[in-house]
Amino acid sequence: MKDQFEREISYLRVSITDLCNLRCRYCMPDGVCQKRHEDILSFEEIAEIVAAAAALGVRKVRVTGGEPLVRRGCAELCRMLADIDGIEEIDLTTNGTLLPRYAKELKAAGVTRVNISVDSLDPEKYADITGGGRLQDALDGIRAAQEAGLTPVKLNAVLIGGFNDDEIPAFVEHTRRAPIELRFIELMPMGGRFGPEAYLPGETVLERVPELVPVPHDGGVARLYRLPDGQGRVGLISPLSRHFCASCNRLRLTSEGHLKPCLHSSAEINVRGLHGDALLDTLRRAIREKPRQHGVLDADHRSEAGRTMNTIGG
């Protein structure tokens, strides 16, 4: 189904929990109010909503959180979603620390690939940005994903000036010897306490590693590059300096059952408790009401999302 700006909406991001075993400073608030189990969608409710979205043309689903793997039965939910007619791809965004336990189960359930968040390659800095996480746990998770066949593995690094911009060459170097896609994501002003220097444009990566050469676009939101002799790729995702709203093909479903047509808008549409034609009509409404683009985002203009990232779905 197309929205009013002729964008084909084929991608649904589904958050299944606000909770996480880490506390990344750009994602989680200082205090987290844990929802009651009955306040979040059951797996059956999620599957019903995804099936309705598939009937309207959604083909790709990404399971997110918080950290989706802290919710018991995540792999079983992925299996339910993979079995829905019309769904062609199930992906999962994770911090990777629980993948040594679940990677093989996720692969067997039909998960296509995983995106793993790693914002520093320095153990002390990783612990700082994640609120005490262990870098080795994330590295073990990357290895587990590769061994399970959840490939190509994509690594997400939020680009934060004064924190990890000095690690850009080291991050990129990993794509020389491994077939991974490393994506640098501009820091979005929607949580955390960062000064103006933290908001770097994606072009900073090209300035620090000028040998990167562009490669053809693959249909995603990242601009893609490669080292001349690299096995992997480098992606730049620039929601601030070069937004990609004109090609945005997604909706987001929060864990308690609200559809967000745009990440950076406070507009939400409740779909919990709807069935049949009422559910389909409400999904159509969400697609129709998807705005042309989000507002200005920079150090002086905060996101209008109305939520922290963990409550929307990373």
Protein backbone atom coordinates (compact mmCIF):
# COMPACT_ATOMS: atom_id res chain seq x y z
CA MET A 1 0.00 0.00 0.00
CA LYS A 2 1.22 3.50 -0.84
CA ASP A 3 0.96 6.55 1.37
CA GLN A 4 -0.23 9.94 0.13
CA PHE A 5 3.27 10.73 -1.12
CA GLU A 6 3.49 7.57 -3.25
CA ARG A 7 5.88 5.76 -0.91
CA GLU A 8 5.29 1.99 -0.85
CA ILE A 9 5.01 0.96 2.81
CA SER A 10 6.55 -2.50 3.03
CA TYR A 11 8.47 -2.51 6.33
CA LEU A 12 7.20 -2.81 9.92
CA ARG A 13 9.44 -2.46 12.97
CA VAL A 14 7.95 -4.27 15.95
CA SER A 15 9.09 -3.51 19.50
CA ILE A 16 8.35 -6.36 21.89
CA THR A 17 9.72 -4.83 25.11
CA ASP A 18 10.93 -1.52 26.53
CA LEU A 19 13.41 -3.33 28.76
CA CYS A 20 17.08 -3.95 28.13
CA ASN A 21 20.00 -5.57 29.92
CA LEU A 22 22.11 -2.50 29.06
CA ARG A 23 21.53 1.21 29.65
CA CYS A 24 22.89 3.02 26.58
CA ARG A 25 22.92 6.73 27.31
CA TYR A 26 21.32 7.84 24.04
CA CYS A 27 18.50 5.29 24.30
CA MET A 28 17.42 4.62 27.89
CA PRO A 29 16.21 7.20 30.42
CA ASP A 30 17.80 7.37 33.87
CA GLY A 31 14.87 5.58 35.42
CA VAL A 32 12.85 2.91 33.63
CA CYS A 33 9.25 2.29 34.62
CA GLN A 34 8.67 -1.39 33.96
CA LYS A 35 5.33 -2.11 32.34
CA ARG A 36 3.11 -4.86 33.62
CA HIS A 37 2.97 -7.96 31.46
CA GLU A 38 -0.67 -7.26 30.62
CA ASP A 39 0.27 -3.76 29.40
CA ILE A 40 2.28 -5.06 26.45
CA LEU A 41 1.12 -6.94 23.39
CA SER A 42 1.00 -10.70 23.58
CA PHE A 43 2.72 -12.68 20.85
CA GLU A 44 -0.68 -13.60 19.45
CA GLU A 45 -1.66 -9.93 19.26
CA ILE A 46 1.60 -9.05 17.54
CA ALA A 47 1.14 -11.84 15.00
CA GLU A 48 -2.41 -10.67 14.25
CA ILE A 49 -1.23 -7.09 13.63
CA VAL A 50 1.67 -8.27 11.44
CA ALA A 51 -0.67 -10.50 9.43
CA ALA A 52 -2.94 -7.52 8.78
CA ALA A 53 0.07 -5.41 7.77
CA ALA A 54 1.18 -8.19 5.42
CA ALA A 55 -2.25 -8.13 3.79
CA LEU A 56 -1.59 -4.46 3.00
CA GLY A 57 1.83 -5.08 1.50
CA VAL A 58 4.31 -5.25 4.37
CA ARG A 59 7.01 -7.76 3.45
CA LYS A 60 9.78 -7.11 5.98
CA VAL A 61 9.54 -7.17 9.78
CA ARG A 62 12.25 -6.14 12.22
CA VAL A 63 11.89 -7.27 15.84
CA THR A 64 13.29 -4.70 18.27
CA GLY A 65 13.18 -3.48 21.85
CA GLY A 66 14.66 -2.35 24.23
CA GLU A 67 16.56 -5.59 23.91
CA PRO A 68 14.18 -8.10 22.30
CA LEU A 69 16.07 -11.11 23.62
CA VAL A 70 15.26 -10.24 27.24
CA ARG A 71 11.65 -11.12 26.52
CA ARG A 72 11.08 -14.83 27.03
CA GLY A 73 10.12 -16.66 23.86
CA CYS A 74 11.48 -14.11 21.38
CA ALA A 75 12.57 -16.87 18.99
CA GLU A 76 9.11 -18.44 19.08
CA LEU A 77 7.56 -15.08 18.16
CA CYS A 78 9.98 -14.83 15.24
CA ARG A 79 8.84 -18.27 14.10
CA MET A 80 5.19 -17.14 14.26
CA LEU A 81 5.96 -14.05 12.19
CA ALA A 82 8.02 -15.96 9.63
CA ASP A 83 5.03 -18.26 9.04
CA ILE A 84 2.71 -15.38 8.07
CA ASP A 85 1.76 -15.32 4.40
CA GLY A 86 3.45 -12.43 2.62
CA ILE A 87 6.27 -11.91 5.13
CA GLU A 88 9.54 -12.47 3.30
CA GLU A 89 12.14 -11.29 5.81
CA ILE A 90 12.46 -11.31 9.61
CA ASP A 91 15.35 -9.32 11.06
CA LEU A 92 16.29 -8.51 14.64
CA THR A 93 18.11 -5.58 16.24
CA THR A 94 20.03 -6.48 19.39
CA ASN A 95 22.98 -5.46 21.51
CA GLY A 96 24.33 -8.96 20.85
CA THR A 97 25.15 -9.90 24.41
CA LEU A 98 22.57 -12.69 24.54
CA LEU A 99 23.23 -14.09 21.07
CA PRO A 100 25.61 -16.83 22.25
CA ARG A 101 22.55 -18.36 23.93
CA TYR A 102 19.96 -17.68 21.23
CA ALA A 103 21.61 -17.30 17.79
CA LYS A 104 21.04 -20.87 16.59
CA GLU A 105 17.47 -20.86 17.86
CA LEU A 106 16.76 -17.59 16.06
CA LYS A 107 18.17 -18.95 12.81
CA ALA A 108 16.02 -22.08 13.09
CA ALA A 109 12.98 -19.87 13.75
CA GLY A 110 13.40 -18.10 10.42
CA VAL A 111 15.31 -14.95 11.37
CA THR A 112 17.23 -13.75 8.31
CA ARG A 113 19.90 -11.62 9.91
CA VAL A 114 20.71 -9.45 12.91
CA ASN A 115 21.88 -5.90 13.48
CA ILE A 116 24.16 -5.61 16.50
CA SER A 117 24.83 -2.33 18.31
CA VAL A 118 28.48 -1.73 19.21
CA ASP A 119 29.35 1.91 19.89
CA SER A 120 32.96 1.48 20.98
CA LEU A 121 35.75 -1.04 20.54
CA ASP A 122 37.36 0.08 23.78
CA PRO A 123 36.17 -1.98 26.79
CA GLU A 124 36.12 0.99 29.18
CA LYS A 125 34.28 3.27 26.76
CA TYR A 126 31.84 0.49 25.89
CA ALA A 127 31.10 0.04 29.60
CA ASP A 128 30.58 3.79 29.93
CA ILE A 129 28.12 4.23 27.05
CA THR A 130 26.17 1.06 27.93
CA GLY A 131 25.95 1.62 31.67
CA GLY A 132 28.28 -1.23 32.62
CA GLY A 133 28.16 -3.64 29.68
CA ARG A 134 31.07 -5.88 28.71
CA LEU A 135 32.48 -5.44 25.21
CA GLN A 136 33.53 -9.09 25.12
CA ASP A 137 29.90 -10.15 25.50
CA ALA A 138 28.99 -8.19 22.37
CA LEU A 139 31.98 -9.58 20.46
CA ASP A 140 30.98 -13.10 21.46
CA GLY A 141 27.50 -12.32 20.18
CA ILE A 142 28.85 -11.22 16.80
CA ARG A 143 30.78 -14.46 16.52
CA ALA A 144 27.71 -16.50 17.50
CA ALA A 145 25.60 -14.76 14.86
CA GLN A 146 28.18 -15.49 12.18
CA GLU A 147 28.50 -19.13 13.20
CA ALA A 148 24.70 -19.53 13.19
CA GLY A 149 24.41 -18.10 9.68
CA LEU A 150 22.59 -14.89 10.64
CA THR A 151 24.48 -13.11 7.90
CA PRO A 152 25.48 -10.70 6.65
CA VAL A 153 25.90 -9.34 10.16
CA LYS A 154 25.36 -5.59 10.37
CA LEU A 155 27.05 -3.63 13.14
CA ASN A 156 25.49 -0.33 14.24
CA ALA A 157 27.68 2.37 15.77
CA VAL A 158 26.07 5.64 16.82
CA LEU A 159 28.52 8.38 15.86
CA ILE A 160 29.14 10.57 18.92
CA GLY A 161 31.58 13.46 18.74
CA GLY A 162 34.06 13.51 21.60
CA PHE A 163 33.29 9.91 22.46
CA ASN A 164 33.93 7.47 19.61
CA ASP A 165 34.83 9.59 16.58
CA ASP A 166 38.49 8.83 17.28
CA GLU A 167 37.67 5.14 16.68
CA ILE A 168 36.31 5.61 13.16
CA PRO A 169 39.44 4.24 11.39
CA ALA A 170 39.55 1.22 13.73
CA PHE A 171 35.87 0.49 13.12
CA VAL A 172 36.31 0.73 9.35
CA GLU A 173 39.39 -1.49 9.43
CA HIS A 174 37.21 -4.41 10.53
CA THR A 175 35.47 -4.32 7.15
CA ARG A 176 38.79 -4.93 5.42
CA ARG A 177 39.11 -8.47 6.68
CA ALA A 178 35.52 -9.49 7.46
CA PRO A 179 32.34 -9.55 5.30
CA ILE A 180 30.37 -7.36 7.69
CA GLU A 181 28.45 -4.15 7.11
CA LEU A 182 29.40 -1.44 9.57
CA ARG A 183 26.84 1.35 9.76
CA PHE A 184 27.58 4.70 11.37
CA ILE A 185 24.35 6.34 12.54
CA GLU A 186 24.15 10.03 13.33
CA LEU A 187 23.20 10.68 16.96
CA MET A 188 19.55 11.71 17.14
CA PRO A 189 18.45 14.38 19.67
CA MET A 190 15.83 12.31 21.46
CA GLY A 191 17.33 11.40 24.81
CA GLY A 192 20.55 11.53 26.76
CA ARG A 193 22.54 14.59 27.71
CA PHE A 194 24.97 15.43 24.93
CA GLY A 195 26.52 18.76 23.98
CA PRO A 196 26.50 20.25 20.45
CA GLU A 197 29.86 18.64 19.68
CA ALA A 198 28.28 15.19 19.87
CA TYR A 199 26.18 15.70 16.73
CA LEU A 200 28.55 14.88 13.90
CA PRO A 201 27.47 14.49 10.27
CA GLY A 202 28.05 11.13 8.60
CA GLU A 203 30.53 12.79 6.23
CA THR A 204 32.95 12.85 9.17
CA VAL A 205 33.60 9.17 8.42
CA LEU A 206 34.65 9.99 4.85
CA GLU A 207 36.94 12.74 6.12
CA ARG A 208 38.65 10.39 8.58
CA VAL A 209 38.92 7.49 6.09
CA PRO A 210 39.25 9.14 2.64
CA GLU A 211 40.11 5.86 0.90
CA LEU A 212 36.50 4.71 1.17
CA VAL A 213 34.84 4.46 -2.24
CA PRO A 214 31.09 4.47 -2.92
CA VAL A 215 29.30 1.29 -3.94
CA PRO A 216 25.81 0.86 -5.42
CA HIS A 217 22.81 1.50 -3.19
CA ASP A 218 21.02 -1.66 -1.99
CA GLY A 219 17.60 -0.16 -1.34
CA GLY A 220 18.15 0.57 2.36
CA VAL A 221 18.60 3.91 4.09
CA ALA A 222 22.40 3.75 4.28
CA ARG A 223 24.78 5.29 1.76
CA LEU A 224 27.32 2.54 1.13
CA TYR A 225 31.10 2.57 0.80
CA ARG A 226 33.93 0.07 0.77
CA LEU A 227 37.67 -0.01 1.31
CA PRO A 228 39.35 -0.80 -2.03
CA ASP A 229 40.49 -4.19 -0.72
CA GLY A 230 37.76 -4.67 1.87
CA GLN A 231 35.52 -7.70 2.24
CA GLY A 232 32.76 -5.74 3.98
CA ARG A 233 30.99 -2.42 3.54
CA VAL A 234 30.57 0.83 5.46
CA GLY A 235 27.14 2.47 5.63
CA LEU A 236 26.30 6.03 6.60
CA ILE A 237 22.82 6.66 8.03
CA SER A 238 22.19 10.41 8.27
CA PRO A 239 18.78 11.30 9.72
CA LEU A 240 20.04 14.80 10.62
CA SER A 241 22.39 16.00 7.89
CA ARG A 242 20.83 14.16 4.92
CA HIS A 243 17.47 12.79 5.93
CA PHE A 244 15.93 10.00 3.85
CA CYS A 245 12.25 10.75 4.48
CA ALA A 246 11.43 10.75 0.75
CA SER A 247 12.15 7.02 0.58
CA CYS A 248 10.93 6.00 4.06
CA ASN A 249 8.91 2.80 3.71
CA ARG A 250 8.24 1.90 7.35
CA LEU A 251 5.83 2.00 10.23
CA ARG A 252 6.71 1.28 13.86
CA LEU A 253 4.67 -0.69 16.39
CA THR A 254 5.39 -0.06 20.06
CA SER A 255 5.30 -2.82 22.62
CA GLU A 256 1.97 -1.63 24.04
CA GLY A 257 0.29 -1.49 20.64
CA HIS A 258 0.70 2.01 19.21
CA LEU A 259 1.58 2.60 15.58
CA LYS A 260 4.00 5.43 14.86
CA PRO A 261 3.86 6.52 11.22
CA CYS A 262 7.03 8.64 11.79
CA LEU A 263 9.77 8.08 14.34
CA HIS A 264 10.19 11.80 15.04
CA SER A 265 6.51 12.68 15.37
CA SER A 266 4.43 12.39 18.54
CA ALA A 267 1.49 11.10 16.47
CA GLU A 268 0.49 7.58 17.46
CA ILE A 269 -2.46 5.37 16.61
CA ASN A 270 -3.59 2.61 18.95
CA VAL A 271 -4.29 -0.76 17.31
CA ARG A 272 -4.50 -2.96 20.37
CA GLY A 273 -7.83 -4.71 20.66
CA LEU A 274 -8.72 -4.21 17.00
CA HIS A 275 -9.49 -7.11 14.71
CA GLY A 276 -10.55 -7.80 11.15
CA ASP A 277 -11.69 -4.82 9.10
CA ALA A 278 -11.24 -2.42 12.03
CA LEU A 279 -7.57 -3.37 12.28
CA LEU A 280 -7.04 -3.13 8.53
CA ASP A 281 -8.75 0.25 8.37
CA THR A 282 -6.61 1.60 11.20
CA LEU A 283 -3.43 0.39 9.51
CA ARG A 284 -4.56 2.10 6.32
CA ARG A 285 -5.14 5.27 8.32
CA ALA A 286 -1.62 5.10 9.78
CA ILE A 287 -0.18 4.76 6.29
CA ARG A 288 -2.29 7.66 4.97
CA GLU A 289 -1.22 9.88 7.87
CA LYS A 290 2.50 9.26 7.44
CA PRO A 291 4.00 12.77 7.08
CA ARG A 292 6.16 13.87 4.17
CA GLN A 293 9.18 14.30 6.45
CA HIS A 294 10.18 14.94 10.03
CA GLY A 295 11.07 18.36 11.39
CA VAL A 296 14.51 19.84 11.78
CA LEU A 297 16.83 17.69 13.91
CA ASP A 298 20.07 18.99 15.38
CA ALA A 299 21.64 19.95 18.68
CA ASP A 300 19.17 22.83 19.04
CA HIS A 301 16.05 21.09 17.70
CA ARG A 302 14.93 18.03 19.61
CA SER A 303 12.95 15.17 18.16
CA GLU A 304 9.18 15.45 18.60
CA ALA A 305 8.89 11.68 19.09
CA GLY A 306 7.52 12.15 22.60
CA ARG A 307 9.35 9.03 23.82
CA THR A 308 12.84 7.74 24.48
CA MET A 309 14.18 5.30 21.91
CA ASN A 310 13.79 2.20 24.09
CA THR A 311 10.02 2.78 24.22
CA ILE A 312 9.72 3.08 20.44
CA GLY A 313 12.00 0.36 19.13
CA GLY A 314 15.58 0.81 18.02
